[in-house]
Amino acid sequence: MEPDAQLVQGCLRGEGPAWEELVRRHTRRVFNLCYRFTGNSTEAEDLSQEVFLRIYRTLASYRPAFGAFPTWLTSVTRNLLVDHYRRTRRDRLTDSIEDAMPKLENKQSAARTPDKLALLSELSAQLQQGLSRLSPELREAVILRDLQGLDYSEIQTVLEVPEGTVKSRINRGRIELARILEEMGLRPQN
């Protein structure tokens, strides 16, 4: 049994440390997904807390036989984000970027100079602004594939659409995002 499934079983038995470890393991994933969808770190923190409350209440519905825990967690997160989007019905623009992209957060390098960090932060902000201009369907597909690193079958499970639709949304989202970023003055590097 995978470690996450063991932790879930511990949670269902009422073991507090198992819940703490489950939350610790997946907080960054949930926050990054919420942040990339909303573009606002405060809102992403609030939504992350809502996700974990929902996870806690519905943990008994997780079935390891139907997929890995991170896929189920991403699906629950996505459903909450869709509900949130439907409630608010407004475009989200990033006022400030406090966190670098998830890929940058995981990368440790002594070669990062202040000017490189500033450039990466600026690029992250521009990427977030571009993402915010995509339709929710295209944005979530691009985020799940390119920023969260999910494979097509995992995205299909999360979005509950056929694999062809997943591939189409990712392709259309990438094309639209490239167009938006080019309008913003960003050119692809060769």
C-alpha atoms as a PDB file:
ATOM      1  CA  MET A   1       0.000   0.000   0.000  1.00  0.00           C
ATOM      2  CA  GLU A   2       1.362   3.425  -0.943  1.00  0.00           C
ATOM      3  CA  PRO A   3       2.473   5.711   1.936  1.00  0.00           C
ATOM      4  CA  ASP A   4      -0.395   8.163   1.371  1.00  0.00           C
ATOM      5  CA  ALA A   5      -2.944   5.349   1.508  1.00  0.00           C
ATOM      6  CA  GLN A   6      -1.394   4.178   4.779  1.00  0.00           C
ATOM      7  CA  LEU A   7      -1.656   7.715   6.150  1.00  0.00           C
ATOM      8  CA  VAL A   8      -5.308   7.874   5.075  1.00  0.00           C
ATOM      9  CA  GLN A   9      -5.980   4.645   6.956  1.00  0.00           C
ATOM     10  CA  GLY A  10      -4.259   6.145  10.012  1.00  0.00           C
ATOM     11  CA  CYS A  11      -6.410   9.272   9.731  1.00  0.00           C
ATOM     12  CA  LEU A  12      -9.562   7.181   9.534  1.00  0.00           C
ATOM     13  CA  ARG A  13      -8.460   5.440  12.741  1.00  0.00           C
ATOM     14  CA  GLY A  14      -8.173   8.872  14.387  1.00  0.00           C
ATOM     15  CA  GLU A  15      -4.387   9.141  14.439  1.00  0.00           C
ATOM     16  CA  GLY A  16      -3.561  12.863  14.596  1.00  0.00           C
ATOM     17  CA  PRO A  17       0.067  12.498  13.450  1.00  0.00           C
ATOM     18  CA  ALA A  18      -1.106  10.705  10.292  1.00  0.00           C
ATOM     19  CA  TRP A  19      -3.310  13.702   9.378  1.00  0.00           C
ATOM     20  CA  GLU A  20      -0.486  16.140  10.115  1.00  0.00           C
ATOM     21  CA  GLU A  21       1.868  14.185   7.848  1.00  0.00           C
ATOM     22  CA  LEU A  22      -0.710  13.989   5.057  1.00  0.00           C
ATOM     23  CA  VAL A  23      -1.247  17.756   5.221  1.00  0.00           C
ATOM     24  CA  ARG A  24       2.504  18.412   5.395  1.00  0.00           C
ATOM     25  CA  ARG A  25       3.148  16.255   2.315  1.00  0.00           C
ATOM     26  CA  HIS A  26       0.512  17.921   0.158  1.00  0.00           C
ATOM     27  CA  THR A  27       0.225  21.534   1.338  1.00  0.00           C
ATOM     28  CA  ARG A  28       2.580  22.868  -1.328  1.00  0.00           C
ATOM     29  CA  ARG A  29       0.764  20.998  -4.129  1.00  0.00           C
ATOM     30  CA  VAL A  30      -2.653  22.292  -3.017  1.00  0.00           C
ATOM     31  CA  PHE A  31      -1.438  25.844  -2.436  1.00  0.00           C
ATOM     32  CA  ASN A  32       0.349  25.993  -5.806  1.00  0.00           C
ATOM     33  CA  LEU A  33      -2.733  24.758  -7.623  1.00  0.00           C
ATOM     34  CA  CYS A  34      -4.957  27.276  -5.807  1.00  0.00           C
ATOM     35  CA  TYR A  35      -2.457  30.067  -6.393  1.00  0.00           C
ATOM     36  CA  ARG A  36      -2.067  29.357 -10.096  1.00  0.00           C
ATOM     37  CA  PHE A  37      -5.821  29.273 -10.498  1.00  0.00           C
ATOM     38  CA  THR A  38      -6.578  32.451  -8.515  1.00  0.00           C
ATOM     39  CA  GLY A  39      -3.400  34.485  -8.890  1.00  0.00           C
ATOM     40  CA  ASN A  40      -3.698  35.736  -5.308  1.00  0.00           C
ATOM     41  CA  SER A  41      -1.625  34.248  -2.473  1.00  0.00           C
ATOM     42  CA  THR A  42      -4.025  35.260   0.310  1.00  0.00           C
ATOM     43  CA  GLU A  43      -6.965  33.784  -1.552  1.00  0.00           C
ATOM     44  CA  ALA A  44      -4.908  30.671  -2.336  1.00  0.00           C
ATOM     45  CA  GLU A  45      -4.132  30.224   1.380  1.00  0.00           C
ATOM     46  CA  ASP A  46      -7.827  30.494   2.257  1.00  0.00           C
ATOM     47  CA  LEU A  47      -8.798  28.070  -0.497  1.00  0.00           C
ATOM     48  CA  SER A  48      -6.049  25.653   0.577  1.00  0.00           C
ATOM     49  CA  GLN A  49      -7.524  25.589   4.058  1.00  0.00           C
ATOM     50  CA  GLU A  50     -10.973  24.943   2.564  1.00  0.00           C
ATOM     51  CA  VAL A  51      -9.506  22.088   0.502  1.00  0.00           C
ATOM     52  CA  PHE A  52      -8.028  20.414   3.557  1.00  0.00           C
ATOM     53  CA  LEU A  53     -11.296  20.836   5.467  1.00  0.00           C
ATOM     54  CA  ARG A  54     -13.115  19.185   2.577  1.00  0.00           C
ATOM     55  CA  ILE A  55     -10.475  16.441   2.401  1.00  0.00           C
ATOM     56  CA  TYR A  56     -10.837  15.793   6.120  1.00  0.00           C
ATOM     57  CA  ARG A  57     -14.630  15.525   5.845  1.00  0.00           C
ATOM     58  CA  THR A  58     -14.537  13.265   2.772  1.00  0.00           C
ATOM     59  CA  LEU A  59     -11.416  11.208   3.478  1.00  0.00           C
ATOM     60  CA  ALA A  60     -13.439   8.031   3.876  1.00  0.00           C
ATOM     61  CA  SER A  61     -14.504   8.324   0.209  1.00  0.00           C
ATOM     62  CA  TYR A  62     -10.908   7.955  -1.052  1.00  0.00           C
ATOM     63  CA  ARG A  63     -10.339   4.572  -2.685  1.00  0.00           C
ATOM     64  CA  PRO A  64      -6.712   3.653  -3.497  1.00  0.00           C
ATOM     65  CA  ALA A  65      -7.920   1.148  -6.096  1.00  0.00           C
ATOM     66  CA  PHE A  66      -9.247   4.040  -8.228  1.00  0.00           C
ATOM     67  CA  GLY A  67      -6.014   6.044  -8.292  1.00  0.00           C
ATOM     68  CA  ALA A  68      -3.197   7.607  -6.350  1.00  0.00           C
ATOM     69  CA  PHE A  69      -3.973   9.936  -3.452  1.00  0.00           C
ATOM     70  CA  PRO A  70      -2.388  12.995  -5.172  1.00  0.00           C
ATOM     71  CA  THR A  71      -4.751  12.524  -8.125  1.00  0.00           C
ATOM     72  CA  TRP A  72      -7.771  12.319  -5.801  1.00  0.00           C
ATOM     73  CA  LEU A  73      -6.498  15.343  -3.860  1.00  0.00           C
ATOM     74  CA  THR A  74      -6.057  17.308  -7.090  1.00  0.00           C
ATOM     75  CA  SER A  75      -9.585  16.370  -8.144  1.00  0.00           C
ATOM     76  CA  VAL A  76     -11.047  17.578  -4.837  1.00  0.00           C
ATOM     77  CA  THR A  77      -8.984  20.778  -5.113  1.00  0.00           C
ATOM     78  CA  ARG A  78     -10.116  21.355  -8.680  1.00  0.00           C
ATOM     79  CA  ASN A  79     -13.773  20.855  -7.748  1.00  0.00           C
ATOM     80  CA  LEU A  80     -13.464  23.391  -4.935  1.00  0.00           C
ATOM     81  CA  LEU A  81     -11.778  25.861  -7.296  1.00  0.00           C
ATOM     82  CA  VAL A  82     -14.549  25.439  -9.849  1.00  0.00           C
ATOM     83  CA  ASP A  83     -17.147  26.023  -7.124  1.00  0.00           C
ATOM     84  CA  HIS A  84     -15.228  29.101  -5.991  1.00  0.00           C
ATOM     85  CA  TYR A  85     -15.003  30.416  -9.550  1.00  0.00           C
ATOM     86  CA  ARG A  86     -18.717  29.950 -10.080  1.00  0.00           C
ATOM     87  CA  ARG A  87     -19.457  31.787  -6.822  1.00  0.00           C
ATOM     88  CA  THR A  88     -17.289  34.776  -7.633  1.00  0.00           C
ATOM     89  CA  ARG A  89     -17.612  34.968 -11.446  1.00  0.00           C
ATOM     90  CA  ARG A  90     -14.884  37.528 -11.856  1.00  0.00           C
ATOM     91  CA  ASP A  91     -11.515  37.579 -13.520  1.00  0.00           C
ATOM     92  CA  ARG A  92      -8.569  37.380 -11.218  1.00  0.00           C
ATOM     93  CA  LEU A  93      -5.534  39.560 -11.701  1.00  0.00           C
ATOM     94  CA  THR A  94      -2.422  39.331  -9.649  1.00  0.00           C
ATOM     95  CA  ASP A  95      -1.822  42.438  -7.535  1.00  0.00           C
ATOM     96  CA  SER A  96       1.509  41.227  -6.281  1.00  0.00           C
ATOM     97  CA  ILE A  97       3.533  38.083  -6.549  1.00  0.00           C
ATOM     98  CA  GLU A  98       4.913  36.914  -3.230  1.00  0.00           C
ATOM     99  CA  ASP A  99       5.900  33.428  -4.305  1.00  0.00           C
ATOM    100  CA  ALA A 100       7.971  32.230  -7.220  1.00  0.00           C
ATOM    101  CA  MET A 101       6.736  29.532  -9.573  1.00  0.00           C
ATOM    102  CA  PRO A 102       6.543  26.017  -8.065  1.00  0.00           C
ATOM    103  CA  LYS A 103       9.417  24.866 -10.261  1.00  0.00           C
ATOM    104  CA  LEU A 104      11.567  27.691  -8.899  1.00  0.00           C
ATOM    105  CA  GLU A 105      10.605  26.964  -5.287  1.00  0.00           C
ATOM    106  CA  ASN A 106      12.002  23.453  -5.575  1.00  0.00           C
ATOM    107  CA  LYS A 107      15.228  24.497  -7.243  1.00  0.00           C
ATOM    108  CA  GLN A 108      18.171  25.344  -4.998  1.00  0.00           C
ATOM    109  CA  SER A 109      21.055  27.160  -6.654  1.00  0.00           C
ATOM    110  CA  ALA A 110      23.981  29.102  -5.304  1.00  0.00           C
ATOM    111  CA  ALA A 111      24.276  30.767  -8.713  1.00  0.00           C
ATOM    112  CA  ARG A 112      21.139  32.845  -8.246  1.00  0.00           C
ATOM    113  CA  THR A 113      22.119  36.449  -8.154  1.00  0.00           C
ATOM    114  CA  PRO A 114      19.704  39.214  -7.160  1.00  0.00           C
ATOM    115  CA  ASP A 115      19.271  40.270 -10.796  1.00  0.00           C
ATOM    116  CA  LYS A 116      18.410  36.691 -11.818  1.00  0.00           C
ATOM    117  CA  LEU A 117      15.952  36.395  -8.937  1.00  0.00           C
ATOM    118  CA  ALA A 118      14.320  39.682  -9.941  1.00  0.00           C
ATOM    119  CA  LEU A 119      14.028  38.502 -13.549  1.00  0.00           C
ATOM    120  CA  LEU A 120      12.518  35.159 -12.479  1.00  0.00           C
ATOM    121  CA  SER A 121      10.047  36.942 -10.216  1.00  0.00           C
ATOM    122  CA  GLU A 122       9.069  39.273 -13.050  1.00  0.00           C
ATOM    123  CA  LEU A 123       8.638  36.344 -15.456  1.00  0.00           C
ATOM    124  CA  SER A 124       6.519  34.529 -12.867  1.00  0.00           C
ATOM    125  CA  ALA A 125       4.319  37.598 -12.495  1.00  0.00           C
ATOM    126  CA  GLN A 126       3.918  37.894 -16.257  1.00  0.00           C
ATOM    127  CA  LEU A 127       3.102  34.193 -16.555  1.00  0.00           C
ATOM    128  CA  GLN A 128       0.484  34.547 -13.828  1.00  0.00           C
ATOM    129  CA  GLN A 129      -1.019  37.561 -15.569  1.00  0.00           C
ATOM    130  CA  GLY A 130      -1.145  35.596 -18.830  1.00  0.00           C
ATOM    131  CA  LEU A 131      -2.755  32.601 -17.114  1.00  0.00           C
ATOM    132  CA  SER A 132      -5.413  34.842 -15.583  1.00  0.00           C
ATOM    133  CA  ARG A 133      -6.512  35.867 -19.074  1.00  0.00           C
ATOM    134  CA  LEU A 134      -7.201  32.275 -20.182  1.00  0.00           C
ATOM    135  CA  SER A 135     -10.675  30.798 -19.856  1.00  0.00           C
ATOM    136  CA  PRO A 136     -11.025  28.636 -16.710  1.00  0.00           C
ATOM    137  CA  GLU A 137     -11.172  25.416 -18.766  1.00  0.00           C
ATOM    138  CA  LEU A 138      -7.953  26.154 -20.652  1.00  0.00           C
ATOM    139  CA  ARG A 139      -6.212  27.607 -17.581  1.00  0.00           C
ATOM    140  CA  GLU A 140      -6.843  24.559 -15.396  1.00  0.00           C
ATOM    141  CA  ALA A 141      -5.676  22.164 -18.135  1.00  0.00           C
ATOM    142  CA  VAL A 142      -2.430  24.106 -18.671  1.00  0.00           C
ATOM    143  CA  ILE A 143      -1.809  24.448 -14.920  1.00  0.00           C
ATOM    144  CA  LEU A 144      -2.401  20.759 -14.257  1.00  0.00           C
ATOM    145  CA  ARG A 145      -0.121  19.655 -17.106  1.00  0.00           C
ATOM    146  CA  ASP A 146       2.629  22.252 -17.305  1.00  0.00           C
ATOM    147  CA  LEU A 147       2.862  23.570 -13.744  1.00  0.00           C
ATOM    148  CA  GLN A 148       1.660  20.608 -11.672  1.00  0.00           C
ATOM    149  CA  GLY A 149       3.190  17.958 -13.940  1.00  0.00           C
ATOM    150  CA  LEU A 150       0.179  15.636 -14.079  1.00  0.00           C
ATOM    151  CA  ASP A 151      -0.017  13.166 -16.956  1.00  0.00           C
ATOM    152  CA  TYR A 152      -2.973  13.038 -19.346  1.00  0.00           C
ATOM    153  CA  SER A 153      -4.760  10.207 -17.558  1.00  0.00           C
ATOM    154  CA  GLU A 154      -4.502  12.009 -14.204  1.00  0.00           C
ATOM    155  CA  ILE A 155      -5.847  15.218 -15.756  1.00  0.00           C
ATOM    156  CA  GLN A 156      -8.658  13.210 -17.372  1.00  0.00           C
ATOM    157  CA  THR A 157      -9.582  11.867 -13.916  1.00  0.00           C
ATOM    158  CA  VAL A 158      -9.406  15.306 -12.289  1.00  0.00           C
ATOM    159  CA  LEU A 159     -11.386  17.143 -14.979  1.00  0.00           C
ATOM    160  CA  GLU A 160     -13.778  14.265 -15.655  1.00  0.00           C
ATOM    161  CA  VAL A 161     -13.538  14.697 -19.422  1.00  0.00           C
ATOM    162  CA  PRO A 162     -12.273  12.379 -22.196  1.00  0.00           C
ATOM    163  CA  GLU A 163      -8.526  12.263 -22.860  1.00  0.00           C
ATOM    164  CA  GLY A 164      -9.030  13.881 -26.275  1.00  0.00           C
ATOM    165  CA  THR A 165     -10.681  16.859 -24.586  1.00  0.00           C
ATOM    166  CA  VAL A 166      -7.764  17.077 -22.137  1.00  0.00           C
ATOM    167  CA  LYS A 167      -5.233  17.143 -24.982  1.00  0.00           C
ATOM    168  CA  SER A 168      -7.297  19.669 -26.915  1.00  0.00           C
ATOM    169  CA  ARG A 169      -7.622  22.008 -23.925  1.00  0.00           C
ATOM    170  CA  ILE A 170      -3.910  21.795 -23.172  1.00  0.00           C
ATOM    171  CA  ASN A 171      -3.020  22.507 -26.804  1.00  0.00           C
ATOM    172  CA  ARG A 172      -5.497  25.388 -27.127  1.00  0.00           C
ATOM    173  CA  GLY A 173      -4.430  26.750 -23.741  1.00  0.00           C
ATOM    174  CA  ARG A 174      -0.744  26.712 -24.673  1.00  0.00           C
ATOM    175  CA  ILE A 175      -1.430  28.428 -28.005  1.00  0.00           C
ATOM    176  CA  GLU A 176      -3.621  31.070 -26.365  1.00  0.00           C
ATOM    177  CA  LEU A 177      -1.119  31.617 -23.527  1.00  0.00           C
ATOM    178  CA  ALA A 178       1.725  32.018 -26.047  1.00  0.00           C
ATOM    179  CA  ARG A 179      -0.359  34.595 -27.945  1.00  0.00           C
ATOM    180  CA  ILE A 180      -1.144  36.489 -24.729  1.00  0.00           C
ATOM    181  CA  LEU A 181       2.485  36.456 -23.585  1.00  0.00           C
ATOM    182  CA  GLU A 182       3.604  37.687 -27.002  1.00  0.00           C
ATOM    183  CA  GLU A 183       1.082  40.547 -26.766  1.00  0.00           C
ATOM    184  CA  MET A 184       2.652  41.362 -23.409  1.00  0.00           C
ATOM    185  CA  GLY A 185       6.037  41.664 -25.132  1.00  0.00           C
ATOM    186  CA  LEU A 186       7.483  38.307 -24.134  1.00  0.00           C
ATOM    187  CA  ARG A 187       9.167  36.437 -26.951  1.00  0.00           C
ATOM    188  CA  PRO A 188      10.051  32.739 -26.829  1.00  0.00           C
ATOM    189  CA  GLN A 189      13.764  32.096 -26.450  1.00  0.00           C
ATOM    190  CA  ASN A 190      15.520  29.804 -28.900  1.00  0.00           C
END
